[in-house]
Amino acid sequence: MAYSAPLNDYDVILRHIVPLAPVAATDKFAEATAEMAKAVLGEAARLCEEKLTTYQRNGDLHPAVLENGVVRTSPGFAEGHRAIGEGGWIGMSAAPEHGGMGLPMMLTTAVNDMMSGACLSLQLAPLMSQGQIEALENHASDALKALYIPKLIAANGPAR
């Protein structure tokens, strides 16, 4: 069954339940307007509906395997992970000085939810990278941040 992103649900959530407007009223997230959020979520939905959902069944039929010390992911997963990275989705909430978009976590959460709905097993790798980025941003030295965060955000991440 094909995945259909619940964009109308996210619109209601960002207007009435967890409002984006007060977040966009801050200096840090002044560019996170409703229009920008709609565009970001629309692009994420397109990626999920057109590409990521096509890998869901591959993960069921051809799970990852360990061959000679190397993990081989399901067919298409490397391409899907690369598309996630190239779209900037891994670094959505990461600081711009390290290559991230600097968007509010509420938008990252919505995108992660869409990607999980489209293909959970593929989305787990970017999700883990986001956790590592957040830990580094909050606890690492500037030198470690500069060394590792851009690599975690990059499209050539861990999936093979």
N, C-alpha and C. Protein backbone atom coordinates (compact mmCIF):
# COMPACT_ATOMS: atom_id res chain seq x y z
N MET A 1 0.84 -1.18 0.00
CA MET A 1 0.00 0.00 0.00
C MET A 1 0.89 1.24 0.00
N ALA A 2 0.60 2.19 -0.84
CA ALA A 2 1.38 3.41 -0.95
C ALA A 2 1.15 4.32 0.25
N TYR A 3 2.16 5.09 0.58
CA TYR A 3 2.08 6.02 1.70
C TYR A 3 1.55 7.37 1.22
N SER A 4 0.70 7.97 2.01
CA SER A 4 0.19 9.31 1.73
C SER A 4 0.43 10.17 2.97
N ALA A 5 1.25 11.18 2.83
CA ALA A 5 1.60 12.05 3.96
C ALA A 5 0.38 12.82 4.45
N PRO A 6 0.19 12.88 5.76
CA PRO A 6 -0.97 13.57 6.33
C PRO A 6 -0.74 15.08 6.48
N LEU A 7 -0.53 15.78 5.37
CA LEU A 7 -0.21 17.21 5.43
C LEU A 7 -1.30 18.04 6.09
N ASN A 8 -2.56 17.69 5.87
CA ASN A 8 -3.64 18.44 6.52
C ASN A 8 -3.58 18.29 8.03
N ASP A 9 -3.21 17.11 8.51
CA ASP A 9 -3.07 16.89 9.95
C ASP A 9 -1.95 17.76 10.51
N TYR A 10 -0.82 17.81 9.82
CA TYR A 10 0.28 18.65 10.29
C TYR A 10 -0.12 20.12 10.31
N ASP A 11 -0.90 20.55 9.33
CA ASP A 11 -1.37 21.93 9.30
C ASP A 11 -2.19 22.25 10.55
N VAL A 12 -3.11 21.36 10.90
CA VAL A 12 -3.94 21.56 12.09
C VAL A 12 -3.07 21.56 13.34
N ILE A 13 -2.15 20.62 13.41
CA ILE A 13 -1.27 20.54 14.58
C ILE A 13 -0.45 21.82 14.74
N LEU A 14 0.14 22.31 13.65
CA LEU A 14 1.01 23.49 13.73
C LEU A 14 0.24 24.80 13.88
N ARG A 15 -1.06 24.77 13.63
CA ARG A 15 -1.86 25.97 13.85
C ARG A 15 -2.56 25.97 15.21
N HIS A 16 -2.99 24.78 15.69
CA HIS A 16 -3.86 24.75 16.86
C HIS A 16 -3.34 23.96 18.07
N ILE A 17 -2.56 22.93 17.84
CA ILE A 17 -2.17 22.07 18.96
C ILE A 17 -0.78 22.44 19.48
N VAL A 18 0.18 22.50 18.61
CA VAL A 18 1.54 22.94 18.94
C VAL A 18 1.84 24.08 17.96
N PRO A 19 1.36 25.27 18.26
CA PRO A 19 1.42 26.37 17.29
C PRO A 19 2.84 26.76 16.89
N LEU A 20 3.03 26.88 15.61
CA LEU A 20 4.30 27.33 15.05
C LEU A 20 4.47 28.84 15.21
N ALA A 21 3.39 29.58 15.19
CA ALA A 21 3.47 31.05 15.20
C ALA A 21 4.31 31.61 16.36
N PRO A 22 4.14 31.16 17.60
CA PRO A 22 4.98 31.70 18.67
C PRO A 22 6.46 31.36 18.50
N VAL A 23 6.75 30.23 17.91
CA VAL A 23 8.13 29.83 17.66
C VAL A 23 8.71 30.74 16.57
N ALA A 24 7.95 30.98 15.52
CA ALA A 24 8.40 31.85 14.43
C ALA A 24 8.54 33.30 14.89
N ALA A 25 7.92 33.66 16.00
CA ALA A 25 8.02 35.02 16.52
C ALA A 25 9.35 35.26 17.25
N THR A 26 10.13 34.22 17.46
CA THR A 26 11.43 34.38 18.12
C THR A 26 12.49 34.77 17.09
N ASP A 27 13.56 35.38 17.57
CA ASP A 27 14.65 35.75 16.67
C ASP A 27 15.29 34.52 16.03
N LYS A 28 15.45 33.46 16.82
CA LYS A 28 16.13 32.26 16.32
C LYS A 28 15.40 31.62 15.16
N PHE A 29 14.06 31.61 15.20
CA PHE A 29 13.28 30.92 14.18
C PHE A 29 12.39 31.87 13.39
N ALA A 30 12.83 33.10 13.22
CA ALA A 30 12.02 34.11 12.52
C ALA A 30 11.68 33.70 11.09
N GLU A 31 12.53 32.89 10.47
CA GLU A 31 12.28 32.47 9.08
C GLU A 31 11.33 31.28 8.99
N ALA A 32 10.97 30.70 10.12
CA ALA A 32 10.10 29.52 10.13
C ALA A 32 8.63 29.94 10.08
N THR A 33 8.26 30.60 9.02
CA THR A 33 6.89 31.06 8.85
C THR A 33 5.99 29.90 8.47
N ALA A 34 4.70 30.13 8.52
CA ALA A 34 3.74 29.09 8.12
C ALA A 34 3.93 28.70 6.66
N GLU A 35 4.23 29.67 5.81
CA GLU A 35 4.44 29.39 4.40
C GLU A 35 5.69 28.54 4.18
N MET A 36 6.76 28.88 4.90
CA MET A 36 7.98 28.11 4.79
C MET A 36 7.77 26.69 5.31
N ALA A 37 7.08 26.55 6.42
CA ALA A 37 6.78 25.23 6.98
C ALA A 37 5.97 24.39 6.00
N LYS A 38 5.00 25.02 5.37
CA LYS A 38 4.18 24.30 4.38
C LYS A 38 5.03 23.81 3.22
N ALA A 39 5.96 24.64 2.76
CA ALA A 39 6.85 24.25 1.66
C ALA A 39 7.78 23.12 2.08
N VAL A 40 8.35 23.21 3.26
CA VAL A 40 9.26 22.17 3.76
C VAL A 40 8.51 20.84 3.91
N LEU A 41 7.36 20.89 4.54
CA LEU A 41 6.59 19.67 4.74
C LEU A 41 6.10 19.09 3.41
N GLY A 42 5.77 19.95 2.46
CA GLY A 42 5.36 19.48 1.14
C GLY A 42 6.47 18.76 0.41
N GLU A 43 7.69 19.28 0.50
CA GLU A 43 8.83 18.62 -0.14
C GLU A 43 9.15 17.30 0.55
N ALA A 44 9.07 17.28 1.87
CA ALA A 44 9.30 16.03 2.60
C ALA A 44 8.24 14.99 2.22
N ALA A 45 7.00 15.43 2.10
CA ALA A 45 5.92 14.53 1.71
C ALA A 45 6.17 13.94 0.33
N ARG A 46 6.64 14.77 -0.58
CA ARG A 46 6.93 14.30 -1.93
C ARG A 46 8.02 13.23 -1.90
N LEU A 47 9.09 13.46 -1.14
CA LEU A 47 10.15 12.46 -1.01
C LEU A 47 9.60 11.16 -0.43
N CYS A 48 8.79 11.26 0.60
CA CYS A 48 8.23 10.07 1.24
C CYS A 48 7.30 9.30 0.32
N GLU A 49 6.43 10.02 -0.36
CA GLU A 49 5.41 9.38 -1.21
C GLU A 49 5.99 8.81 -2.51
N GLU A 50 6.99 9.49 -3.06
CA GLU A 50 7.52 9.08 -4.35
C GLU A 50 8.73 8.15 -4.26
N LYS A 51 9.49 8.24 -3.19
CA LYS A 51 10.73 7.48 -3.13
C LYS A 51 10.78 6.54 -1.93
N LEU A 52 10.69 7.07 -0.72
CA LEU A 52 10.94 6.25 0.46
C LEU A 52 9.94 5.11 0.61
N THR A 53 8.69 5.35 0.28
CA THR A 53 7.69 4.30 0.42
C THR A 53 7.98 3.10 -0.49
N THR A 54 8.71 3.34 -1.57
CA THR A 54 9.02 2.24 -2.49
C THR A 54 10.01 1.25 -1.89
N TYR A 55 10.71 1.62 -0.83
CA TYR A 55 11.70 0.74 -0.21
C TYR A 55 11.12 -0.08 0.94
N GLN A 56 9.93 0.24 1.37
CA GLN A 56 9.33 -0.42 2.53
C GLN A 56 9.31 -1.95 2.37
N ARG A 57 8.80 -2.42 1.27
CA ARG A 57 8.67 -3.87 1.06
C ARG A 57 10.05 -4.53 0.92
N ASN A 58 11.02 -3.82 0.34
CA ASN A 58 12.37 -4.37 0.22
C ASN A 58 12.95 -4.73 1.59
N GLY A 59 12.66 -3.90 2.56
CA GLY A 59 13.15 -4.18 3.91
C GLY A 59 12.55 -5.44 4.49
N ASP A 60 11.32 -5.74 4.14
CA ASP A 60 10.67 -6.97 4.60
C ASP A 60 11.20 -8.20 3.87
N LEU A 61 11.37 -8.08 2.56
CA LEU A 61 11.77 -9.22 1.75
C LEU A 61 13.28 -9.49 1.78
N HIS A 62 14.07 -8.43 1.93
CA HIS A 62 15.52 -8.54 1.87
C HIS A 62 16.13 -7.76 3.03
N PRO A 63 16.08 -8.30 4.23
CA PRO A 63 16.60 -7.56 5.39
C PRO A 63 18.12 -7.37 5.30
N ALA A 64 18.62 -6.45 6.10
CA ALA A 64 20.05 -6.21 6.15
C ALA A 64 20.76 -7.48 6.61
N VAL A 65 21.95 -7.69 6.08
CA VAL A 65 22.75 -8.87 6.45
C VAL A 65 24.19 -8.44 6.70
N LEU A 66 24.87 -9.23 7.51
CA LEU A 66 26.29 -9.03 7.77
C LEU A 66 27.07 -10.01 6.90
N GLU A 67 27.87 -9.47 5.98
CA GLU A 67 28.68 -10.30 5.08
C GLU A 67 30.14 -9.92 5.22
N ASN A 68 30.94 -10.85 5.69
CA ASN A 68 32.37 -10.61 5.82
C ASN A 68 32.68 -9.32 6.58
N GLY A 69 31.95 -9.10 7.64
CA GLY A 69 32.19 -7.93 8.48
C GLY A 69 31.59 -6.64 7.97
N VAL A 70 30.81 -6.69 6.90
CA VAL A 70 30.19 -5.49 6.33
C VAL A 70 28.67 -5.68 6.35
N VAL A 71 27.96 -4.68 6.84
CA VAL A 71 26.50 -4.73 6.83
C VAL A 71 26.01 -4.31 5.45
N ARG A 72 25.19 -5.15 4.85
CA ARG A 72 24.58 -4.85 3.55
C ARG A 72 23.10 -4.55 3.82
N THR A 73 22.70 -3.35 3.46
CA THR A 73 21.31 -2.95 3.70
C THR A 73 20.40 -3.46 2.59
N SER A 74 19.13 -3.32 2.80
CA SER A 74 18.12 -3.76 1.83
C SER A 74 18.29 -3.00 0.52
N PRO A 75 17.88 -3.62 -0.59
CA PRO A 75 17.98 -2.93 -1.89
C PRO A 75 17.28 -1.57 -1.87
N GLY A 76 17.99 -0.56 -2.32
CA GLY A 76 17.44 0.79 -2.39
C GLY A 76 17.72 1.63 -1.16
N PHE A 77 18.09 1.02 -0.04
CA PHE A 77 18.27 1.79 1.18
C PHE A 77 19.42 2.80 1.07
N ALA A 78 20.52 2.43 0.43
CA ALA A 78 21.63 3.37 0.27
C ALA A 78 21.17 4.57 -0.56
N GLU A 79 20.43 4.31 -1.63
CA GLU A 79 19.90 5.40 -2.47
C GLU A 79 18.92 6.26 -1.68
N GLY A 80 18.06 5.62 -0.90
CA GLY A 80 17.10 6.36 -0.08
C GLY A 80 17.78 7.21 0.97
N HIS A 81 18.79 6.65 1.62
CA HIS A 81 19.52 7.42 2.63
C HIS A 81 20.23 8.60 2.00
N ARG A 82 20.79 8.38 0.82
CA ARG A 82 21.46 9.46 0.10
C ARG A 82 20.46 10.57 -0.25
N ALA A 83 19.27 10.20 -0.66
CA ALA A 83 18.24 11.20 -0.99
C ALA A 83 17.84 11.99 0.25
N ILE A 84 17.76 11.32 1.38
CA ILE A 84 17.45 12.01 2.63
C ILE A 84 18.55 13.00 2.97
N GLY A 85 19.80 12.57 2.84
CA GLY A 85 20.92 13.46 3.14
C GLY A 85 21.03 14.62 2.17
N GLU A 86 20.89 14.32 0.88
CA GLU A 86 21.00 15.37 -0.13
C GLU A 86 19.90 16.41 0.00
N GLY A 87 18.74 15.99 0.49
CA GLY A 87 17.65 16.93 0.70
C GLY A 87 17.82 17.79 1.94
N GLY A 88 18.84 17.49 2.74
CA GLY A 88 19.09 18.26 3.96
C GLY A 88 18.25 17.81 5.13
N TRP A 89 17.54 16.70 4.99
CA TRP A 89 16.59 16.28 6.02
C TRP A 89 17.28 15.82 7.30
N ILE A 90 18.48 15.30 7.22
CA ILE A 90 19.19 14.85 8.43
C ILE A 90 19.53 16.05 9.30
N GLY A 91 19.92 17.14 8.69
CA GLY A 91 20.35 18.33 9.44
C GLY A 91 19.29 19.40 9.57
N MET A 92 18.03 19.04 9.52
CA MET A 92 16.97 20.05 9.60
C MET A 92 17.11 20.96 10.81
N SER A 93 17.33 20.39 11.98
CA SER A 93 17.39 21.18 13.21
C SER A 93 18.81 21.56 13.59
N ALA A 94 19.78 21.07 12.85
CA ALA A 94 21.18 21.37 13.16
C ALA A 94 21.49 22.83 12.85
N ALA A 95 22.48 23.34 13.56
CA ALA A 95 22.88 24.74 13.40
C ALA A 95 23.41 24.99 11.98
N PRO A 96 23.04 26.11 11.40
CA PRO A 96 23.51 26.44 10.04
C PRO A 96 25.03 26.51 9.91
N GLU A 97 25.72 26.90 10.96
CA GLU A 97 27.18 27.00 10.87
C GLU A 97 27.86 25.65 10.66
N HIS A 98 27.13 24.56 10.86
CA HIS A 98 27.68 23.23 10.62
C HIS A 98 27.01 22.56 9.42
N GLY A 99 26.21 23.31 8.67
CA GLY A 99 25.58 22.76 7.47
C GLY A 99 24.12 22.39 7.65
N GLY A 100 23.56 22.65 8.81
CA GLY A 100 22.15 22.35 9.06
C GLY A 100 21.24 23.46 8.58
N MET A 101 19.94 23.21 8.67
CA MET A 101 18.94 24.20 8.26
C MET A 101 18.55 25.14 9.40
N GLY A 102 18.78 24.72 10.64
CA GLY A 102 18.44 25.56 11.78
C GLY A 102 16.94 25.73 11.98
N LEU A 103 16.16 24.72 11.60
CA LEU A 103 14.70 24.80 11.73
C LEU A 103 14.25 24.30 13.10
N PRO A 104 13.06 24.69 13.51
CA PRO A 104 12.54 24.23 14.80
C PRO A 104 12.36 22.71 14.82
N MET A 105 12.56 22.14 16.00
CA MET A 105 12.43 20.69 16.16
C MET A 105 11.02 20.22 15.82
N MET A 106 10.02 21.07 15.96
CA MET A 106 8.65 20.64 15.64
C MET A 106 8.52 20.28 14.16
N LEU A 107 9.24 20.96 13.28
CA LEU A 107 9.21 20.61 11.86
C LEU A 107 10.01 19.33 11.60
N THR A 108 11.14 19.19 12.27
CA THR A 108 11.93 17.97 12.15
C THR A 108 11.10 16.76 12.60
N THR A 109 10.37 16.93 13.68
CA THR A 109 9.53 15.84 14.20
C THR A 109 8.45 15.45 13.19
N ALA A 110 7.85 16.43 12.56
CA ALA A 110 6.82 16.13 11.55
C ALA A 110 7.43 15.38 10.37
N VAL A 111 8.61 15.81 9.92
CA VAL A 111 9.27 15.14 8.80
C VAL A 111 9.68 13.72 9.20
N ASN A 112 10.20 13.57 10.40
CA ASN A 112 10.57 12.23 10.87
C ASN A 112 9.34 11.32 10.93
N ASP A 113 8.22 11.87 11.33
CA ASP A 113 6.99 11.09 11.37
C ASP A 113 6.59 10.63 9.97
N MET A 114 6.69 11.52 9.00
CA MET A 114 6.37 11.14 7.62
C MET A 114 7.31 10.06 7.11
N MET A 115 8.60 10.24 7.35
CA MET A 115 9.57 9.26 6.87
C MET A 115 9.37 7.92 7.56
N SER A 116 9.01 7.94 8.82
CA SER A 116 8.73 6.69 9.54
C SER A 116 7.52 5.99 8.95
N GLY A 117 6.52 6.75 8.58
CA GLY A 117 5.33 6.17 7.97
C GLY A 117 5.62 5.59 6.60
N ALA A 118 6.54 6.22 5.87
CA ALA A 118 6.86 5.75 4.52
C ALA A 118 7.76 4.51 4.56
N CYS A 119 8.76 4.51 5.45
CA CYS A 119 9.68 3.37 5.55
C CYS A 119 10.47 3.48 6.85
N LEU A 120 9.93 2.93 7.91
CA LEU A 120 10.53 3.06 9.23
C LEU A 120 11.96 2.53 9.29
N SER A 121 12.20 1.37 8.72
CA SER A 121 13.53 0.78 8.83
C SER A 121 14.59 1.62 8.14
N LEU A 122 14.25 2.33 7.08
CA LEU A 122 15.19 3.22 6.42
C LEU A 122 15.38 4.50 7.23
N GLN A 123 14.32 4.99 7.82
CA GLN A 123 14.37 6.26 8.53
C GLN A 123 15.15 6.19 9.84
N LEU A 124 15.39 5.02 10.37
CA LEU A 124 16.09 4.90 11.64
C LEU A 124 17.52 5.42 11.59
N ALA A 125 18.22 5.24 10.47
CA ALA A 125 19.61 5.73 10.37
C ALA A 125 19.67 7.25 10.44
N PRO A 126 18.88 7.99 9.68
CA PRO A 126 18.90 9.44 9.82
C PRO A 126 18.46 9.89 11.22
N LEU A 127 17.52 9.19 11.80
CA LEU A 127 17.06 9.53 13.14
C LEU A 127 18.20 9.40 14.15
N MET A 128 18.98 8.34 14.04
CA MET A 128 20.12 8.16 14.93
C MET A 128 21.16 9.27 14.71
N SER A 129 21.38 9.65 13.46
CA SER A 129 22.31 10.74 13.17
C SER A 129 21.82 12.04 13.80
N GLN A 130 20.53 12.30 13.75
CA GLN A 130 19.98 13.51 14.36
C GLN A 130 20.23 13.53 15.86
N GLY A 131 20.11 12.37 16.50
CA GLY A 131 20.39 12.29 17.93
C GLY A 131 21.85 12.58 18.23
N GLN A 132 22.73 12.07 17.40
CA GLN A 132 24.15 12.33 17.58
C GLN A 132 24.46 13.81 17.38
N ILE A 133 23.83 14.41 16.38
CA ILE A 133 24.04 15.85 16.12
C ILE A 133 23.58 16.66 17.33
N GLU A 134 22.41 16.34 17.85
CA GLU A 134 21.89 17.08 19.01
C GLU A 134 22.82 16.93 20.22
N ALA A 135 23.32 15.72 20.46
CA ALA A 135 24.24 15.51 21.59
C ALA A 135 25.52 16.32 21.39
N LEU A 136 26.07 16.30 20.19
CA LEU A 136 27.28 17.06 19.92
C LEU A 136 27.04 18.56 20.07
N GLU A 137 25.93 19.06 19.53
CA GLU A 137 25.65 20.50 19.62
C GLU A 137 25.54 20.97 21.06
N ASN A 138 25.03 20.11 21.92
CA ASN A 138 24.80 20.52 23.31
C ASN A 138 25.94 20.19 24.26
N HIS A 139 26.86 19.30 23.87
CA HIS A 139 27.85 18.85 24.84
C HIS A 139 29.29 18.80 24.33
N ALA A 140 29.53 18.95 23.05
CA ALA A 140 30.88 18.80 22.51
C ALA A 140 31.60 20.15 22.42
N SER A 141 32.91 20.06 22.32
CA SER A 141 33.71 21.25 22.09
C SER A 141 33.46 21.76 20.67
N ASP A 142 33.82 23.01 20.43
CA ASP A 142 33.65 23.56 19.09
C ASP A 142 34.44 22.77 18.05
N ALA A 143 35.61 22.28 18.43
CA ALA A 143 36.43 21.50 17.49
C ALA A 143 35.74 20.19 17.11
N LEU A 144 35.15 19.50 18.09
CA LEU A 144 34.44 18.26 17.79
C LEU A 144 33.19 18.52 16.96
N LYS A 145 32.48 19.61 17.27
CA LYS A 145 31.30 19.96 16.48
C LYS A 145 31.69 20.17 15.02
N ALA A 146 32.74 20.96 14.80
CA ALA A 146 33.18 21.26 13.44
C ALA A 146 33.64 20.01 12.70
N LEU A 147 34.19 19.06 13.42
CA LEU A 147 34.70 17.84 12.81
C LEU A 147 33.59 16.85 12.45
N TYR A 148 32.63 16.65 13.37
CA TYR A 148 31.67 15.56 13.19
C TYR A 148 30.29 15.96 12.66
N ILE A 149 29.78 17.11 13.04
CA ILE A 149 28.41 17.45 12.64
C ILE A 149 28.25 17.54 11.12
N PRO A 150 29.15 18.21 10.39
CA PRO A 150 28.98 18.23 8.93
C PRO A 150 29.00 16.83 8.31
N LYS A 151 29.79 15.93 8.86
CA LYS A 151 29.84 14.56 8.34
C LYS A 151 28.55 13.81 8.61
N LEU A 152 27.94 14.05 9.77
CA LEU A 152 26.67 13.40 10.09
C LEU A 152 25.54 13.91 9.20
N ILE A 153 25.60 15.17 8.85
CA ILE A 153 24.58 15.79 8.01
C ILE A 153 24.72 15.38 6.55
N ALA A 154 25.96 15.08 6.13
CA ALA A 154 26.26 14.81 4.73
C ALA A 154 25.45 13.63 4.17
N ALA A 155 25.26 13.66 2.87
CA ALA A 155 24.47 12.64 2.18
C ALA A 155 25.14 11.28 2.14
N ASN A 156 26.43 11.21 2.35
CA ASN A 156 27.12 9.92 2.27
C ASN A 156 27.22 9.28 3.65
N GLY A 157 26.11 9.27 4.37
CA GLY A 157 26.05 8.74 5.72
C GLY A 157 26.23 7.24 5.81
N PRO A 158 25.73 6.63 6.88
CA PRO A 158 26.07 5.27 7.23
C PRO A 158 25.46 4.16 6.37
N ALA A 159 24.38 4.40 5.68
CA ALA A 159 23.72 3.28 4.95
C ALA A 159 24.55 2.85 3.76
N ARG A 160 24.65 1.53 3.55
CA ARG A 160 25.39 0.97 2.41
C ARG A 160 24.53 -0.03 1.69
